[in-house]
Protein backbone atom coordinates (compact mmCIF):
# COMPACT_ATOMS: atom_id res chain seq x y z
CA ARG A 1 0.29 -0.14 -0.43
CA ARG A 2 3.47 2.16 1.37
CA PHE A 3 4.51 1.49 -2.71
CA VAL A 4 1.01 1.91 -4.86
CA ASP A 5 0.19 5.45 -3.11
CA ALA A 6 3.64 7.08 -3.58
CA VAL A 7 3.54 6.27 -7.07
CA PHE A 8 -0.14 7.51 -7.23
CA PHE A 9 0.56 10.49 -5.11
CA ARG A 10 3.82 11.25 -3.74
CA HIS A 11 5.07 10.72 -7.22
CA GLY A 12 1.88 13.12 -8.36
CA LEU A 13 0.46 10.51 -10.93
CA TRP A 14 -2.14 10.49 -9.89
CA ASP A 15 -4.19 13.53 -11.54
CA LYS A 16 -3.35 12.45 -15.39
CA PHE A 17 -4.65 8.06 -13.58
CA ARG A 18 -7.58 8.93 -12.99
CA ILE A 19 -8.59 11.25 -16.44
CA TRP A 20 -6.81 8.89 -18.58
CA PRO A 21 -8.64 6.29 -20.86
CA ALA A 22 -7.74 3.11 -20.52
CA ALA A 23 -7.64 2.35 -24.21
CA VAL A 24 -7.73 4.76 -27.90
CA SER A 25 -10.85 2.22 -28.86
CA LEU A 26 -12.61 -1.48 -28.23
CA HIS A 27 -12.79 -1.03 -24.11
CA HIS A 28 -12.23 1.62 -21.53
CA ALA A 29 -11.86 4.07 -23.89
CA TYR A 30 -13.04 7.54 -22.37
CA THR A 31 -12.49 9.60 -19.73
CA GLY A 32 -11.00 7.82 -16.24
CA GLY A 33 -11.22 4.83 -18.46
CA LEU A 34 -7.78 3.46 -17.06
CA LEU A 35 -9.00 4.21 -13.44
CA GLU A 36 -12.57 2.20 -14.23
CA HIS A 37 -10.68 -0.76 -15.93
CA SER A 38 -8.12 -0.39 -13.56
CA VAL A 39 -10.34 -1.25 -9.80
CA SER A 40 -11.98 -3.24 -11.85
CA VAL A 41 -9.66 -5.40 -12.33
CA ALA A 42 -8.02 -5.21 -8.15
CA ILE A 43 -11.30 -6.06 -7.58
CA GLY A 44 -12.55 -9.16 -9.70
CA ALA A 45 -8.95 -9.68 -8.64
CA ARG A 46 -9.02 -10.10 -5.54
CA ASP A 47 -11.72 -12.23 -5.98
CA ILE A 48 -10.14 -14.13 -7.59
CA ALA A 49 -6.91 -14.68 -5.25
CA LYS A 50 -9.95 -14.57 -2.44
CA HIS A 51 -11.56 -18.16 -4.12
CA TYR A 52 -8.22 -20.25 -4.56
CA SER A 53 -6.78 -19.26 -1.12
CA GLY A 54 -10.17 -21.43 0.10
CA PHE A 55 -8.14 -24.15 -1.57
CA ASP A 56 -4.66 -24.08 -0.25
CA ILE A 57 -3.23 -21.62 -3.28
CA PRO A 58 -0.56 -19.83 -1.77
CA VAL A 59 -2.11 -16.09 -2.66
CA ASN A 60 0.84 -12.80 -1.48
CA MET A 61 -3.12 -11.10 -1.89
CA ASP A 62 -0.50 -7.61 -1.34
CA ILE A 63 1.07 -8.53 -4.65
CA VAL A 64 -2.61 -9.10 -6.30
CA ILE A 65 -4.04 -5.65 -5.58
CA ALA A 66 -1.27 -3.22 -6.32
CA GLY A 67 -0.07 -5.15 -9.74
CA ALA A 68 -3.78 -5.23 -10.86
CA LEU A 69 -4.10 -1.23 -9.88
CA LEU A 70 0.01 -1.26 -11.03
CA HIS A 71 -0.94 -3.17 -14.30
CA ASP A 72 -1.63 -0.24 -17.26
CA ILE A 73 0.36 2.32 -16.02
CA GLY A 74 2.38 2.91 -18.85
CA LYS A 75 -0.47 3.81 -20.22
CA LEU A 76 0.78 7.00 -18.90
CA GLU A 77 3.10 7.37 -21.60
CA ALA A 78 1.57 5.81 -24.06
CA TYR A 79 -1.29 7.54 -24.82
CA SER A 80 -1.87 11.25 -25.46
CA ILE A 81 -5.45 12.83 -25.37
CA ALA A 82 -5.29 15.86 -26.63
CA PRO A 83 -6.52 17.31 -28.53
CA ILE A 84 -7.84 13.54 -29.27
CA THR A 85 -7.37 10.03 -27.42
CA GLN A 86 -4.07 8.62 -29.66
CA MET A 87 -0.36 6.67 -28.99
CA THR A 88 2.13 8.43 -28.53
CA VAL A 89 5.39 7.72 -29.99
CA ALA A 90 6.05 6.05 -27.22
CA GLY A 91 3.24 3.99 -26.80
CA ASN A 92 3.63 2.67 -30.41
CA VAL A 93 6.80 1.68 -30.58
CA ILE A 94 7.38 0.57 -27.18
CA GLU A 95 4.15 -0.10 -25.67
CA HIS A 96 2.04 0.26 -22.31
CA ILE A 97 3.76 -3.02 -20.47
CA ALA A 98 7.50 -2.46 -21.51
CA LEU A 99 6.59 1.97 -20.61
CA GLY A 100 5.13 0.15 -17.38
CA TYR A 101 7.28 -1.42 -16.53
CA HIS A 102 10.36 1.18 -16.86
CA MET A 103 8.06 3.54 -14.80
CA LEU A 104 7.45 0.89 -12.31
CA MET A 105 11.44 0.04 -11.75
CA LYS A 106 12.43 3.73 -11.61
CA TYR A 107 9.78 4.66 -8.63
CA ALA A 108 10.86 0.78 -7.26
CA GLU A 109 14.48 2.19 -7.05
CA ILE A 110 13.15 5.88 -5.56
CA GLU A 111 11.23 4.06 -3.18
CA GLN A 112 13.72 1.60 -2.15
CA LEU A 113 10.84 -1.36 -2.71
CA ASP A 114 11.77 -4.97 -0.89
CA LYS A 115 13.47 -6.25 -4.32
CA ASP A 116 11.03 -9.25 -4.45
CA ILE A 117 8.07 -7.90 -4.17
CA THR A 118 9.85 -5.49 -7.11
CA LEU A 119 10.54 -8.36 -8.69
CA ALA A 120 6.97 -9.72 -7.98
CA LEU A 121 4.54 -6.88 -8.96
CA ALA A 122 7.25 -6.81 -12.71
CA HIS A 123 5.91 -9.73 -12.94
CA VAL A 124 2.35 -9.51 -12.87
CA LEU A 125 3.29 -5.98 -15.18
CA ILE A 126 4.96 -7.83 -17.75
CA SER A 127 2.85 -10.66 -17.99
CA HIS A 128 -0.87 -9.36 -17.82
CA HIS A 129 -1.65 -9.63 -21.80
CA GLY A 130 -0.97 -13.74 -21.08
CA ARG A 131 0.79 -14.63 -24.32
CA ARG A 132 3.26 -13.63 -25.94
CA GLU A 133 1.11 -13.07 -28.99
CA PHE A 134 -0.89 -10.19 -27.29
CA GLY A 135 2.38 -7.88 -26.04
CA SER A 136 3.63 -9.88 -23.61
CA PRO A 137 7.13 -10.58 -22.56
CA ALA A 138 6.50 -12.96 -20.39
CA LEU A 139 3.67 -15.61 -19.30
CA PRO A 140 1.66 -15.51 -16.10
CA ALA A 141 4.27 -17.74 -14.12
CA THR A 142 2.54 -16.89 -10.31
CA PRO A 143 -0.59 -17.65 -8.89
CA GLU A 144 -0.55 -13.48 -8.43
CA ALA A 145 0.35 -13.01 -12.27
CA MET A 146 -2.66 -15.85 -13.36
CA ILE A 147 -4.90 -14.33 -11.71
CA VAL A 148 -4.85 -10.52 -12.35
CA ASN A 149 -3.97 -11.96 -16.10
CA ALA A 150 -7.75 -13.60 -16.12
CA ALA A 151 -9.11 -10.23 -14.31
CA ASP A 152 -8.14 -8.22 -17.30
CA ASP A 153 -8.89 -10.38 -19.93
CA LEU A 154 -12.19 -10.70 -18.43
CA ASP A 155 -12.74 -7.04 -17.66
CA PHE A 156 -11.41 -6.32 -21.23
CA ARG A 157 -13.78 -9.15 -22.76
CA LEU A 158 -17.04 -8.46 -21.35
CA SER A 159 -16.38 -4.34 -21.71
CA TYR A 160 -15.62 -5.44 -25.34
CA TRP A 161 -18.64 -7.26 -25.37
CA LYS A 162 -21.08 -4.55 -23.80
CA TYR A 163 -19.21 -2.41 -26.62
CA GLN A 164 -20.55 -4.45 -29.15
CA ILE A 165 -24.14 -5.53 -28.02
CA GLU A 166 -24.92 -1.61 -27.33
CA ALA A 167 -23.87 -0.96 -31.36
CA LEU A 168 -26.53 -4.30 -32.71
CA GLY A 169 -29.47 -2.17 -31.22
CA THR A 170 -32.05 -4.42 -31.77
CA GLN A 171 -31.28 -5.45 -35.60
CA SER A 172 -29.89 -8.45 -33.90
CA ASP A 173 -28.67 -10.64 -31.26
CA ILE A 174 -25.54 -12.07 -32.17
CA THR A 175 -22.32 -10.38 -33.29
CA ASP A 176 -20.60 -10.17 -36.68
CA PHE A 177 -17.08 -12.90 -36.85
CA LEU A 178 -14.95 -10.33 -34.51
CA PRO A 179 -11.43 -11.05 -35.34
CA LEU A 180 -9.91 -9.57 -32.36
CA ILE A 181 -11.84 -11.97 -29.83
CA GLU A 182 -12.17 -15.02 -32.28
CA ARG A 183 -15.19 -15.79 -32.55
CA ARG A 184 -19.36 -14.29 -32.62
CA LEU A 185 -20.85 -12.25 -29.66
CA TRP A 186 -24.39 -13.02 -28.34
CA ARG A 187 -26.89 -11.46 -26.53
CA GLY A 188 -27.56 -14.05 -24.16
CA ILE A 189 -31.05 -14.68 -22.07
CA ASP A 190 -32.64 -11.74 -19.97
CA PRO A 191 -30.88 -12.37 -16.89
CA LYS A 192 -33.95 -11.40 -15.19
C-alpha cells in the first residue's frame, strides 16, 4: 500500500491516472477509463484470489491488488489525450507494458521497495496480457500474475461484449465474427 500510494500521490501520477483512457478504442476508451478498468481488475482479482486461497493456493493479496492497480500504468506514457486520444510515439514503438515496467522499476528504486516485491510486481506487469502474441514479454508464472491476467482479460472481454451488443441495437442478437476475440458475441437471455 505504501508503494502504491507513493506512485500515485507522492510522485504525482494520480491527477493524470484518474482521467486517462484505458485505450484508444475497444475498451474503456473514454475519460476515466483507465481508473475504471484498473479498479475493476483489482476487485475481480481480489475476489479470484480469495476464492483460490480457500483451496490452499498461496496467494499474496498485496501483490494481487498492487499489480492490478499498476498493471496498465504504462498507458500514461503510451497515450496522449489532447486534442483527441491517440497513441504516442513511445506507445507505438515501445508499448504500454514495457513503458509500465520502466516506470515501476524507477519508482521501486526511488522508494527502495524490497527486491522480491519489486520482482513479483514487475512479473505481474510484464505478463498481464497472458500471451507473447498479445504483447507480454513473459507468461504469467505465479498465482498473482495468473490472477491479474485472468481478471484483466475478463474485464476487457466483458467491456468489449457490452460495446458490441450495444452497437447491435435491436437489429440482431448476434454480432458478426470479431477477429480480435476470435468469435461472434451473443446478447444472451434476459438475466431477469
